[in-house]
mmCIF file of all heavy atoms, coordinates in Angstrom:
data_MODEL
# 
_entry.id   MODEL 
# 
loop_
_atom_site.group_PDB 
_atom_site.id 
_atom_site.type_symbol 
_atom_site.label_atom_id 
_atom_site.label_alt_id 
_atom_site.label_comp_id 
_atom_site.label_asym_id 
_atom_site.label_entity_id 
_atom_site.label_seq_id 
_atom_site.pdbx_PDB_ins_code 
_atom_site.Cartn_x 
_atom_site.Cartn_y 
_atom_site.Cartn_z 
_atom_site.occupancy 
_atom_site.B_iso_or_equiv 
_atom_site.pdbx_formal_charge 
_atom_site.auth_seq_id 
_atom_site.auth_comp_id 
_atom_site.auth_asym_id 
_atom_site.auth_atom_id 
_atom_site.pdbx_PDB_model_num 
ATOM 1   N N   . PHE A 1 1  ? -3.330 -16.070 -15.392 1.00 0.00 ? 1  PHE A N   1 
ATOM 2   C CA  . PHE A 1 1  ? -3.642 -14.629 -15.499 1.00 0.00 ? 1  PHE A CA  1 
ATOM 3   C C   . PHE A 1 1  ? -4.438 -14.162 -14.278 1.00 0.00 ? 1  PHE A C   1 
ATOM 4   O O   . PHE A 1 1  ? -4.191 -13.087 -13.729 1.00 0.00 ? 1  PHE A O   1 
ATOM 5   C CB  . PHE A 1 1  ? -4.436 -14.372 -16.784 1.00 0.00 ? 1  PHE A CB  1 
ATOM 6   C CG  . PHE A 1 1  ? -4.760 -12.932 -17.011 1.00 0.00 ? 1  PHE A CG  1 
ATOM 7   C CD1 . PHE A 1 1  ? -3.779 -12.037 -17.410 1.00 0.00 ? 1  PHE A CD1 1 
ATOM 8   C CD2 . PHE A 1 1  ? -6.056 -12.462 -16.798 1.00 0.00 ? 1  PHE A CD2 1 
ATOM 9   C CE1 . PHE A 1 1  ? -4.082 -10.704 -17.607 1.00 0.00 ? 1  PHE A CE1 1 
ATOM 10  C CE2 . PHE A 1 1  ? -6.359 -11.125 -16.995 1.00 0.00 ? 1  PHE A CE2 1 
ATOM 11  C CZ  . PHE A 1 1  ? -5.367 -10.236 -17.408 1.00 0.00 ? 1  PHE A CZ  1 
ATOM 12  N N   . GLY A 1 2  ? -5.391 -14.989 -13.865 1.00 0.00 ? 2  GLY A N   1 
ATOM 13  C CA  . GLY A 1 2  ? -6.189 -14.645 -12.681 1.00 0.00 ? 2  GLY A CA  1 
ATOM 14  C C   . GLY A 1 2  ? -5.331 -14.557 -11.437 1.00 0.00 ? 2  GLY A C   1 
ATOM 15  O O   . GLY A 1 2  ? -5.492 -13.652 -10.605 1.00 0.00 ? 2  GLY A O   1 
ATOM 16  N N   . CYS A 1 3  ? -4.394 -15.476 -11.308 1.00 0.00 ? 3  CYS A N   1 
ATOM 17  C CA  . CYS A 1 3  ? -3.481 -15.429 -10.140 1.00 0.00 ? 3  CYS A CA  1 
ATOM 18  C C   . CYS A 1 3  ? -2.628 -14.172 -10.167 1.00 0.00 ? 3  CYS A C   1 
ATOM 19  O O   . CYS A 1 3  ? -2.360 -13.549 -9.132  1.00 0.00 ? 3  CYS A O   1 
ATOM 20  C CB  . CYS A 1 3  ? -2.597 -16.675 -10.147 1.00 0.00 ? 3  CYS A CB  1 
ATOM 21  S SG  . CYS A 1 3  ? -3.481 -18.201 -9.743  1.00 0.00 ? 3  CYS A SG  1 
ATOM 22  N N   . LEU A 1 4  ? -2.187 -13.798 -11.396 1.00 0.00 ? 4  LEU A N   1 
ATOM 23  C CA  . LEU A 1 4  ? -1.370 -12.591 -11.527 1.00 0.00 ? 4  LEU A CA  1 
ATOM 24  C C   . LEU A 1 4  ? -2.157 -11.346 -11.125 1.00 0.00 ? 4  LEU A C   1 
ATOM 25  O O   . LEU A 1 4  ? -1.619 -10.455 -10.445 1.00 0.00 ? 4  LEU A O   1 
ATOM 26  C CB  . LEU A 1 4  ? -0.892 -12.462 -12.981 1.00 0.00 ? 4  LEU A CB  1 
ATOM 27  C CG  . LEU A 1 4  ? 0.006  -11.256 -13.279 1.00 0.00 ? 4  LEU A CG  1 
ATOM 28  C CD1 . LEU A 1 4  ? 1.277  -11.315 -12.450 1.00 0.00 ? 4  LEU A CD1 1 
ATOM 29  C CD2 . LEU A 1 4  ? 0.330  -11.212 -14.776 1.00 0.00 ? 4  LEU A CD2 1 
ATOM 30  N N   . ILE A 1 5  ? -3.423 -11.340 -11.549 1.00 0.00 ? 5  ILE A N   1 
ATOM 31  C CA  . ILE A 1 5  ? -4.279 -10.207 -11.184 1.00 0.00 ? 5  ILE A CA  1 
ATOM 32  C C   . ILE A 1 5  ? -4.416 -10.124 -9.666  1.00 0.00 ? 5  ILE A C   1 
ATOM 33  O O   . ILE A 1 5  ? -4.335 -9.042  -9.065  1.00 0.00 ? 5  ILE A O   1 
ATOM 34  C CB  . ILE A 1 5  ? -5.660 -10.318 -11.841 1.00 0.00 ? 5  ILE A CB  1 
ATOM 35  C CG1 . ILE A 1 5  ? -5.556 -10.165 -13.361 1.00 0.00 ? 5  ILE A CG1 1 
ATOM 36  C CG2 . ILE A 1 5  ? -6.618 -9.269  -11.273 1.00 0.00 ? 5  ILE A CG2 1 
ATOM 37  C CD1 . ILE A 1 5  ? -5.034 -8.834  -13.820 1.00 0.00 ? 5  ILE A CD1 1 
ATOM 38  N N   . LEU A 1 6  ? -4.600 -11.268 -9.044  1.00 0.00 ? 6  LEU A N   1 
ATOM 39  C CA  . LEU A 1 6  ? -4.750 -11.298 -7.584  1.00 0.00 ? 6  LEU A CA  1 
ATOM 40  C C   . LEU A 1 6  ? -3.473 -10.819 -6.899  1.00 0.00 ? 6  LEU A C   1 
ATOM 41  O O   . LEU A 1 6  ? -3.515 -10.089 -5.910  1.00 0.00 ? 6  LEU A O   1 
ATOM 42  C CB  . LEU A 1 6  ? -5.112 -12.711 -7.127  1.00 0.00 ? 6  LEU A CB  1 
ATOM 43  C CG  . LEU A 1 6  ? -6.517 -13.199 -7.463  1.00 0.00 ? 6  LEU A CG  1 
ATOM 44  C CD1 . LEU A 1 6  ? -6.688 -14.653 -7.062  1.00 0.00 ? 6  LEU A CD1 1 
ATOM 45  C CD2 . LEU A 1 6  ? -7.557 -12.319 -6.773  1.00 0.00 ? 6  LEU A CD2 1 
ATOM 46  N N   . ILE A 1 7  ? -2.339 -11.249 -7.435  1.00 0.00 ? 7  ILE A N   1 
ATOM 47  C CA  . ILE A 1 7  ? -1.057 -10.833 -6.838  1.00 0.00 ? 7  ILE A CA  1 
ATOM 48  C C   . ILE A 1 7  ? -0.863 -9.330  -6.972  1.00 0.00 ? 7  ILE A C   1 
ATOM 49  O O   . ILE A 1 7  ? -0.461 -8.637  -6.029  1.00 0.00 ? 7  ILE A O   1 
ATOM 50  C CB  . ILE A 1 7  ? 0.106  -11.601 -7.512  1.00 0.00 ? 7  ILE A CB  1 
ATOM 51  C CG1 . ILE A 1 7  ? 0.042  -13.087 -7.138  1.00 0.00 ? 7  ILE A CG1 1 
ATOM 52  C CG2 . ILE A 1 7  ? 1.444  -11.000 -7.079  1.00 0.00 ? 7  ILE A CG2 1 
ATOM 53  C CD1 . ILE A 1 7  ? 1.018  -13.940 -7.926  1.00 0.00 ? 7  ILE A CD1 1 
ATOM 54  N N   . ILE A 1 8  ? -1.184 -8.827  -8.169  1.00 0.00 ? 8  ILE A N   1 
ATOM 55  C CA  . ILE A 1 8  ? -1.042 -7.380  -8.400  1.00 0.00 ? 8  ILE A CA  1 
ATOM 56  C C   . ILE A 1 8  ? -1.969 -6.598  -7.474  1.00 0.00 ? 8  ILE A C   1 
ATOM 57  O O   . ILE A 1 8  ? -1.582 -5.590  -6.882  1.00 0.00 ? 8  ILE A O   1 
ATOM 58  C CB  . ILE A 1 8  ? -1.338 -7.045  -9.879  1.00 0.00 ? 8  ILE A CB  1 
ATOM 59  C CG1 . ILE A 1 8  ? -0.251 -7.636  -10.771 1.00 0.00 ? 8  ILE A CG1 1 
ATOM 60  C CG2 . ILE A 1 8  ? -1.437 -5.538  -10.079 1.00 0.00 ? 8  ILE A CG2 1 
ATOM 61  C CD1 . ILE A 1 8  ? -0.535 -7.512  -12.261 1.00 0.00 ? 8  ILE A CD1 1 
ATOM 62  N N   . ALA A 1 9  ? -3.198 -7.100  -7.348  1.00 0.00 ? 9  ALA A N   1 
ATOM 63  C CA  . ALA A 1 9  ? -4.166 -6.414  -6.476  1.00 0.00 ? 9  ALA A CA  1 
ATOM 64  C C   . ALA A 1 9  ? -3.687 -6.429  -5.029  1.00 0.00 ? 9  ALA A C   1 
ATOM 65  O O   . ALA A 1 9  ? -3.805 -5.429  -4.300  1.00 0.00 ? 9  ALA A O   1 
ATOM 66  C CB  . ALA A 1 9  ? -5.530 -7.090  -6.601  1.00 0.00 ? 9  ALA A CB  1 
ATOM 67  N N   . ALA A 1 10 ? -3.122 -7.585  -4.628  1.00 0.00 ? 10 ALA A N   1 
ATOM 68  C CA  . ALA A 1 10 ? -2.626 -7.701  -3.256  1.00 0.00 ? 10 ALA A CA  1 
ATOM 69  C C   . ALA A 1 10 ? -1.470 -6.735  -3.013  1.00 0.00 ? 10 ALA A C   1 
ATOM 70  O O   . ALA A 1 10 ? -1.355 -6.097  -1.947  1.00 0.00 ? 10 ALA A O   1 
ATOM 71  C CB  . ALA A 1 10 ? -2.195 -9.137  -2.975  1.00 0.00 ? 10 ALA A CB  1 
ATOM 72  N N   . VAL A 1 11 ? -0.595 -6.630  -4.023  1.00 0.00 ? 11 VAL A N   1 
ATOM 73  C CA  . VAL A 1 11 ? 0.548  -5.703  -3.904  1.00 0.00 ? 11 VAL A CA  1 
ATOM 74  C C   . VAL A 1 11 ? 0.058  -4.266  -3.810  1.00 0.00 ? 11 VAL A C   1 
ATOM 75  O O   . VAL A 1 11 ? 0.551  -3.473  -2.994  1.00 0.00 ? 11 VAL A O   1 
ATOM 76  C CB  . VAL A 1 11 ? 1.510  -5.887  -5.096  1.00 0.00 ? 11 VAL A CB  1 
ATOM 77  C CG1 . VAL A 1 11 ? 2.543  -4.770  -5.110  1.00 0.00 ? 11 VAL A CG1 1 
ATOM 78  C CG2 . VAL A 1 11 ? 2.188  -7.247  -5.027  1.00 0.00 ? 11 VAL A CG2 1 
ATOM 79  N N   . ILE A 1 12 ? -0.930 -3.940  -4.670  1.00 0.00 ? 12 ILE A N   1 
ATOM 80  C CA  . ILE A 1 12 ? -1.468 -2.577  -4.656  1.00 0.00 ? 12 ILE A CA  1 
ATOM 81  C C   . ILE A 1 12 ? -2.107 -2.260  -3.304  1.00 0.00 ? 12 ILE A C   1 
ATOM 82  O O   . ILE A 1 12 ? -1.883 -1.193  -2.725  1.00 0.00 ? 12 ILE A O   1 
ATOM 83  C CB  . ILE A 1 12 ? -2.494 -2.391  -5.797  1.00 0.00 ? 12 ILE A CB  1 
ATOM 84  C CG1 . ILE A 1 12 ? -1.786 -2.443  -7.148  1.00 0.00 ? 12 ILE A CG1 1 
ATOM 85  C CG2 . ILE A 1 12 ? -3.244 -1.075  -5.632  1.00 0.00 ? 12 ILE A CG2 1 
ATOM 86  C CD1 . ILE A 1 12 ? -2.726 -2.425  -8.348  1.00 0.00 ? 12 ILE A CD1 1 
ATOM 87  N N   . ILE A 1 13 ? -2.876 -3.216  -2.800  1.00 0.00 ? 13 ILE A N   1 
ATOM 88  C CA  . ILE A 1 13 ? -3.523 -3.022  -1.491  1.00 0.00 ? 13 ILE A CA  1 
ATOM 89  C C   . ILE A 1 13 ? -2.472 -2.858  -0.402  1.00 0.00 ? 13 ILE A C   1 
ATOM 90  O O   . ILE A 1 13 ? -2.591 -1.995  0.478   1.00 0.00 ? 13 ILE A O   1 
ATOM 91  C CB  . ILE A 1 13 ? -4.456 -4.205  -1.175  1.00 0.00 ? 13 ILE A CB  1 
ATOM 92  C CG1 . ILE A 1 13 ? -5.657 -4.197  -2.129  1.00 0.00 ? 13 ILE A CG1 1 
ATOM 93  C CG2 . ILE A 1 13 ? -4.930 -4.155  0.274   1.00 0.00 ? 13 ILE A CG2 1 
ATOM 94  C CD1 . ILE A 1 13 ? -6.526 -5.430  -2.024  1.00 0.00 ? 13 ILE A CD1 1 
ATOM 95  N N   . ALA A 1 14 ? -1.424 -3.679  -0.474  1.00 0.00 ? 14 ALA A N   1 
ATOM 96  C CA  . ALA A 1 14 ? -0.361 -3.592  0.525   1.00 0.00 ? 14 ALA A CA  1 
ATOM 97  C C   . ALA A 1 14 ? 0.344  -2.244  0.460   1.00 0.00 ? 14 ALA A C   1 
ATOM 98  O O   . ALA A 1 14 ? 0.651  -1.619  1.484   1.00 0.00 ? 14 ALA A O   1 
ATOM 99  C CB  . ALA A 1 14 ? 0.637  -4.728  0.323   1.00 0.00 ? 14 ALA A CB  1 
ATOM 100 N N   . LEU A 1 15 ? 0.582  -1.789  -0.780  1.00 0.00 ? 15 LEU A N   1 
ATOM 101 C CA  . LEU A 1 15 ? 1.251  -0.495  -0.940  1.00 0.00 ? 15 LEU A CA  1 
ATOM 102 C C   . LEU A 1 15 ? 0.383  0.649   -0.422  1.00 0.00 ? 15 LEU A C   1 
ATOM 103 O O   . LEU A 1 15 ? 0.871  1.559   0.253   1.00 0.00 ? 15 LEU A O   1 
ATOM 104 C CB  . LEU A 1 15 ? 1.599  -0.279  -2.417  1.00 0.00 ? 15 LEU A CB  1 
ATOM 105 C CG  . LEU A 1 15 ? 2.727  -1.151  -2.992  1.00 0.00 ? 15 LEU A CG  1 
ATOM 106 C CD1 . LEU A 1 15 ? 2.849  -0.936  -4.490  1.00 0.00 ? 15 LEU A CD1 1 
ATOM 107 C CD2 . LEU A 1 15 ? 4.051  -0.810  -2.299  1.00 0.00 ? 15 LEU A CD2 1 
ATOM 108 N N   . VAL A 1 16 ? -0.908 0.587   -0.778  1.00 0.00 ? 16 VAL A N   1 
ATOM 109 C CA  . VAL A 1 16 ? -1.827 1.637   -0.330  1.00 0.00 ? 16 VAL A CA  1 
ATOM 110 C C   . VAL A 1 16 ? -1.941 1.627   1.190   1.00 0.00 ? 16 VAL A C   1 
ATOM 111 O O   . VAL A 1 16 ? -1.897 2.679   1.846   1.00 0.00 ? 16 VAL A O   1 
ATOM 112 C CB  . VAL A 1 16 ? -3.211 1.460   -0.989  1.00 0.00 ? 16 VAL A CB  1 
ATOM 113 C CG1 . VAL A 1 16 ? -4.226 2.402   -0.343  1.00 0.00 ? 16 VAL A CG1 1 
ATOM 114 C CG2 . VAL A 1 16 ? -3.122 1.710   -2.479  1.00 0.00 ? 16 VAL A CG2 1 
ATOM 115 N N   . THR A 1 17 ? -2.082 0.426   1.755   1.00 0.00 ? 17 THR A N   1 
ATOM 116 C CA  . THR A 1 17 ? -2.198 0.311   3.212   1.00 0.00 ? 17 THR A CA  1 
ATOM 117 C C   . THR A 1 17 ? -0.925 0.786   3.896   1.00 0.00 ? 17 THR A C   1 
ATOM 118 O O   . THR A 1 17 ? -0.969 1.515   4.891   1.00 0.00 ? 17 THR A O   1 
ATOM 119 C CB  . THR A 1 17 ? -2.487 -1.148  3.608   1.00 0.00 ? 17 THR A CB  1 
ATOM 120 O OG1 . THR A 1 17 ? -3.685 -1.586  2.974   1.00 0.00 ? 17 THR A OG1 1 
ATOM 121 C CG2 . THR A 1 17 ? -2.618 -1.282  5.116   1.00 0.00 ? 17 THR A CG2 1 
ATOM 122 N N   . GLY A 1 18 ? 0.218  0.363   3.330   1.00 0.00 ? 18 GLY A N   1 
ATOM 123 C CA  . GLY A 1 18 ? 1.492  0.780   3.916   1.00 0.00 ? 18 GLY A CA  1 
ATOM 124 C C   . GLY A 1 18 ? 1.657  2.286   3.863   1.00 0.00 ? 18 GLY A C   1 
ATOM 125 O O   . GLY A 1 18 ? 2.117  2.907   4.821   1.00 0.00 ? 18 GLY A O   1 
ATOM 126 N N   . ASN A 1 19 ? 1.296  2.853   2.686   1.00 0.00 ? 19 ASN A N   1 
ATOM 127 C CA  . ASN A 1 19 ? 1.396  4.312   2.563   1.00 0.00 ? 19 ASN A CA  1 
ATOM 128 C C   . ASN A 1 19 ? 0.439  5.016   3.516   1.00 0.00 ? 19 ASN A C   1 
ATOM 129 O O   . ASN A 1 19 ? 0.774  6.061   4.083   1.00 0.00 ? 19 ASN A O   1 
ATOM 130 C CB  . ASN A 1 19 ? 1.098  4.721   1.117   1.00 0.00 ? 19 ASN A CB  1 
ATOM 131 C CG  . ASN A 1 19 ? 1.219  6.219   0.912   1.00 0.00 ? 19 ASN A CG  1 
ATOM 132 O OD1 . ASN A 1 19 ? 2.310  6.773   0.980   1.00 0.00 ? 19 ASN A OD1 1 
ATOM 133 N ND2 . ASN A 1 19 ? 0.097  6.883   0.655   1.00 0.00 ? 19 ASN A ND2 1 
ATOM 134 N N   . PHE A 1 20 ? -0.741 4.425   3.706   1.00 0.00 ? 20 PHE A N   1 
ATOM 135 C CA  . PHE A 1 20 ? -1.743 5.003   4.607   1.00 0.00 ? 20 PHE A CA  1 
ATOM 136 C C   . PHE A 1 20 ? -1.213 5.036   6.041   1.00 0.00 ? 20 PHE A C   1 
ATOM 137 O O   . PHE A 1 20 ? -1.290 6.058   6.725   1.00 0.00 ? 20 PHE A O   1 
ATOM 138 C CB  . PHE A 1 20 ? -3.025 4.164   4.537   1.00 0.00 ? 20 PHE A CB  1 
ATOM 139 C CG  . PHE A 1 20 ? -4.207 4.787   5.223   1.00 0.00 ? 20 PHE A CG  1 
ATOM 140 C CD1 . PHE A 1 20 ? -4.983 5.735   4.584   1.00 0.00 ? 20 PHE A CD1 1 
ATOM 141 C CD2 . PHE A 1 20 ? -4.552 4.418   6.523   1.00 0.00 ? 20 PHE A CD2 1 
ATOM 142 C CE1 . PHE A 1 20 ? -6.086 6.306   5.203   1.00 0.00 ? 20 PHE A CE1 1 
ATOM 143 C CE2 . PHE A 1 20 ? -5.641 4.981   7.158   1.00 0.00 ? 20 PHE A CE2 1 
ATOM 144 C CZ  . PHE A 1 20 ? -6.413 5.931   6.498   1.00 0.00 ? 20 PHE A CZ  1 
ATOM 145 N N   . ILE A 1 21 ? -0.635 3.901   6.443   1.00 0.00 ? 21 ILE A N   1 
ATOM 146 C CA  . ILE A 1 21 ? -0.087 3.810   7.806   1.00 0.00 ? 21 ILE A CA  1 
ATOM 147 C C   . ILE A 1 21 ? 1.167  4.654   7.941   1.00 0.00 ? 21 ILE A C   1 
ATOM 148 O O   . ILE A 1 21 ? 1.371  5.345   8.942   1.00 0.00 ? 21 ILE A O   1 
ATOM 149 C CB  . ILE A 1 21 ? 0.196  2.339   8.162   1.00 0.00 ? 21 ILE A CB  1 
ATOM 150 C CG1 . ILE A 1 21 ? -1.109 1.545   8.194   1.00 0.00 ? 21 ILE A CG1 1 
ATOM 151 C CG2 . ILE A 1 21 ? 0.909  2.236   9.505   1.00 0.00 ? 21 ILE A CG2 1 
ATOM 152 C CD1 . ILE A 1 21 ? -0.923 0.053   8.383   1.00 0.00 ? 21 ILE A CD1 1 
ATOM 153 N N   . TYR A 1 22 ? 2.034  4.606   6.884   1.00 0.00 ? 22 TYR A N   1 
ATOM 154 C CA  . TYR A 1 22 ? 3.263  5.397   6.925   1.00 0.00 ? 22 TYR A CA  1 
ATOM 155 C C   . TYR A 1 22 ? 2.947  6.887   7.054   1.00 0.00 ? 22 TYR A C   1 
ATOM 156 O O   . TYR A 1 22 ? 3.571  7.618   7.824   1.00 0.00 ? 22 TYR A O   1 
ATOM 157 C CB  . TYR A 1 22 ? 4.093  5.143   5.662   1.00 0.00 ? 22 TYR A CB  1 
ATOM 158 C CG  . TYR A 1 22 ? 5.301  6.047   5.552   1.00 0.00 ? 22 TYR A CG  1 
ATOM 159 C CD1 . TYR A 1 22 ? 6.460  5.779   6.267   1.00 0.00 ? 22 TYR A CD1 1 
ATOM 160 C CD2 . TYR A 1 22 ? 5.273  7.186   4.731   1.00 0.00 ? 22 TYR A CD2 1 
ATOM 161 C CE1 . TYR A 1 22 ? 7.571  6.606   6.185   1.00 0.00 ? 22 TYR A CE1 1 
ATOM 162 C CE2 . TYR A 1 22 ? 6.375  8.023   4.631   1.00 0.00 ? 22 TYR A CE2 1 
ATOM 163 C CZ  . TYR A 1 22 ? 7.517  7.735   5.369   1.00 0.00 ? 22 TYR A CZ  1 
ATOM 164 O OH  . TYR A 1 22 ? 8.600  8.563   5.295   1.00 0.00 ? 22 TYR A OH  1 
ATOM 165 N N   . GLY A 1 23 ? 1.951  7.342   6.299   1.00 0.00 ? 23 GLY A N   1 
ATOM 166 C CA  . GLY A 1 23 ? 1.564  8.749   6.357   1.00 0.00 ? 23 GLY A CA  1 
ATOM 167 C C   . GLY A 1 23 ? 1.035  9.162   7.721   1.00 0.00 ? 23 GLY A C   1 
ATOM 168 O O   . GLY A 1 23 ? 1.072  10.346  8.078   1.00 0.00 ? 23 GLY A O   1 
ATOM 169 N N   . TRP A 1 24 ? 0.558  8.191   8.478   1.00 0.00 ? 24 TRP A N   1 
ATOM 170 C CA  . TRP A 1 24 ? 0.056  8.486   9.827   1.00 0.00 ? 24 TRP A CA  1 
ATOM 171 C C   . TRP A 1 24 ? 1.191  8.673   10.820  1.00 0.00 ? 24 TRP A C   1 
ATOM 172 O O   . TRP A 1 24 ? 1.099  9.478   11.738  1.00 0.00 ? 24 TRP A O   1 
ATOM 173 C CB  . TRP A 1 24 ? -0.868 7.346   10.266  1.00 0.00 ? 24 TRP A CB  1 
ATOM 174 C CG  . TRP A 1 24 ? -1.519 7.518   11.606  1.00 0.00 ? 24 TRP A CG  1 
ATOM 175 C CD1 . TRP A 1 24 ? -1.378 6.719   12.695  1.00 0.00 ? 24 TRP A CD1 1 
ATOM 176 C CD2 . TRP A 1 24 ? -2.420 8.547   12.003  1.00 0.00 ? 24 TRP A CD2 1 
ATOM 177 N NE1 . TRP A 1 24 ? -2.130 7.170   13.749  1.00 0.00 ? 24 TRP A NE1 1 
ATOM 178 C CE2 . TRP A 1 24 ? -2.787 8.304   13.339  1.00 0.00 ? 24 TRP A CE2 1 
ATOM 179 C CE3 . TRP A 1 24 ? -2.951 9.661   11.343  1.00 0.00 ? 24 TRP A CE3 1 
ATOM 180 C CZ2 . TRP A 1 24 ? -3.657 9.125   14.035  1.00 0.00 ? 24 TRP A CZ2 1 
ATOM 181 C CZ3 . TRP A 1 24 ? -3.816 10.484  12.034  1.00 0.00 ? 24 TRP A CZ3 1 
ATOM 182 C CH2 . TRP A 1 24 ? -4.171 10.213  13.363  1.00 0.00 ? 24 TRP A CH2 1 
ATOM 183 N N   . ASN A 1 25 ? 2.279  7.936   10.609  1.00 0.00 ? 25 ASN A N   1 
ATOM 184 C CA  . ASN A 1 25 ? 3.377  7.957   11.586  1.00 0.00 ? 25 ASN A CA  1 
ATOM 185 C C   . ASN A 1 25 ? 4.619  8.711   11.106  1.00 0.00 ? 25 ASN A C   1 
ATOM 186 O O   . ASN A 1 25 ? 5.540  8.921   11.891  1.00 0.00 ? 25 ASN A O   1 
ATOM 187 C CB  . ASN A 1 25 ? 3.781  6.515   11.936  1.00 0.00 ? 25 ASN A CB  1 
ATOM 188 C CG  . ASN A 1 25 ? 2.676  5.768   12.669  1.00 0.00 ? 25 ASN A CG  1 
ATOM 189 O OD1 . ASN A 1 25 ? 2.378  6.044   13.817  1.00 0.00 ? 25 ASN A OD1 1 
ATOM 190 N ND2 . ASN A 1 25 ? 2.056  4.807   11.982  1.00 0.00 ? 25 ASN A ND2 1 
ATOM 191 N N   . ALA A 1 26 ? 4.647  9.099   9.835   1.00 0.00 ? 26 ALA A N   1 
ATOM 192 C CA  . ALA A 1 26 ? 5.820  9.802   9.299   1.00 0.00 ? 26 ALA A CA  1 
ATOM 193 C C   . ALA A 1 26 ? 5.912  11.221  9.861   1.00 0.00 ? 26 ALA A C   1 
ATOM 194 O O   . ALA A 1 26 ? 4.925  11.809  10.294  1.00 0.00 ? 26 ALA A O   1 
ATOM 195 C CB  . ALA A 1 26 ? 5.735  9.848   7.777   1.00 0.00 ? 26 ALA A CB  1 
ATOM 196 N N   . SER A 1 27 ? 7.114  11.769  9.837   1.00 0.00 ? 27 SER A N   1 
ATOM 197 C CA  . SER A 1 27 ? 7.331  13.130  10.316  1.00 0.00 ? 27 SER A CA  1 
ATOM 198 C C   . SER A 1 27 ? 6.520  14.118  9.488   1.00 0.00 ? 27 SER A C   1 
ATOM 199 O O   . SER A 1 27 ? 6.393  13.967  8.263   1.00 0.00 ? 27 SER A O   1 
ATOM 200 C CB  . SER A 1 27 ? 8.818  13.491  10.227  1.00 0.00 ? 27 SER A CB  1 
ATOM 201 O OG  . SER A 1 27 ? 9.578  12.668  11.086  1.00 0.00 ? 27 SER A OG  1 
ATOM 202 N N   . GLY A 1 28 ? 6.005  15.143  10.156  1.00 0.00 ? 28 GLY A N   1 
ATOM 203 C CA  . GLY A 1 28 ? 5.197  16.151  9.489   1.00 0.00 ? 28 GLY A CA  1 
ATOM 204 C C   . GLY A 1 28 ? 6.017  17.302  8.973   1.00 0.00 ? 28 GLY A C   1 
ATOM 205 O O   . GLY A 1 28 ? 7.235  17.355  9.153   1.00 0.00 ? 28 GLY A O   1 
ATOM 206 N N   . PRO A 1 29 ? 5.371  18.284  8.366   1.00 0.00 ? 29 PRO A N   1 
ATOM 207 C CA  . PRO A 1 29 ? 6.075  19.390  7.702   1.00 0.00 ? 29 PRO A CA  1 
ATOM 208 C C   . PRO A 1 29 ? 6.549  20.507  8.634   1.00 0.00 ? 29 PRO A C   1 
ATOM 209 O O   . PRO A 1 29 ? 7.285  21.396  8.203   1.00 0.00 ? 29 PRO A O   1 
ATOM 210 C CB  . PRO A 1 29 ? 5.020  19.922  6.735   1.00 0.00 ? 29 PRO A CB  1 
ATOM 211 C CG  . PRO A 1 29 ? 3.718  19.647  7.437   1.00 0.00 ? 29 PRO A CG  1 
ATOM 212 C CD  . PRO A 1 29 ? 3.922  18.335  8.140   1.00 0.00 ? 29 PRO A CD  1 
ATOM 213 N N   . LEU A 1 30 ? 6.139  20.487  9.878   1.00 0.00 ? 30 LEU A N   1 
ATOM 214 C CA  . LEU A 1 30 ? 6.440  21.601  10.778  1.00 0.00 ? 30 LEU A CA  1 
ATOM 215 C C   . LEU A 1 30 ? 7.939  21.687  11.052  1.00 0.00 ? 30 LEU A C   1 
ATOM 216 O O   . LEU A 1 30 ? 8.558  20.722  11.524  1.00 0.00 ? 30 LEU A O   1 
ATOM 217 C CB  . LEU A 1 30 ? 5.665  21.425  12.089  1.00 0.00 ? 30 LEU A CB  1 
ATOM 218 C CG  . LEU A 1 30 ? 5.529  22.650  12.987  1.00 0.00 ? 30 LEU A CG  1 
ATOM 219 C CD1 . LEU A 1 30 ? 4.830  23.786  12.250  1.00 0.00 ? 30 LEU A CD1 1 
ATOM 220 C CD2 . LEU A 1 30 ? 4.742  22.295  14.247  1.00 0.00 ? 30 LEU A CD2 1 
# 
C-alpha cells in the first residue's frame, strides 16, 4: 500500500510538473 501511495504521488507530481511546463511552452490564446 505504501509503495502504491508513492507511485500515485509520483504520477501526480509528474502530471503537475508536466502540466506546469506544458503551460509555459504551449500556444497562447492570442
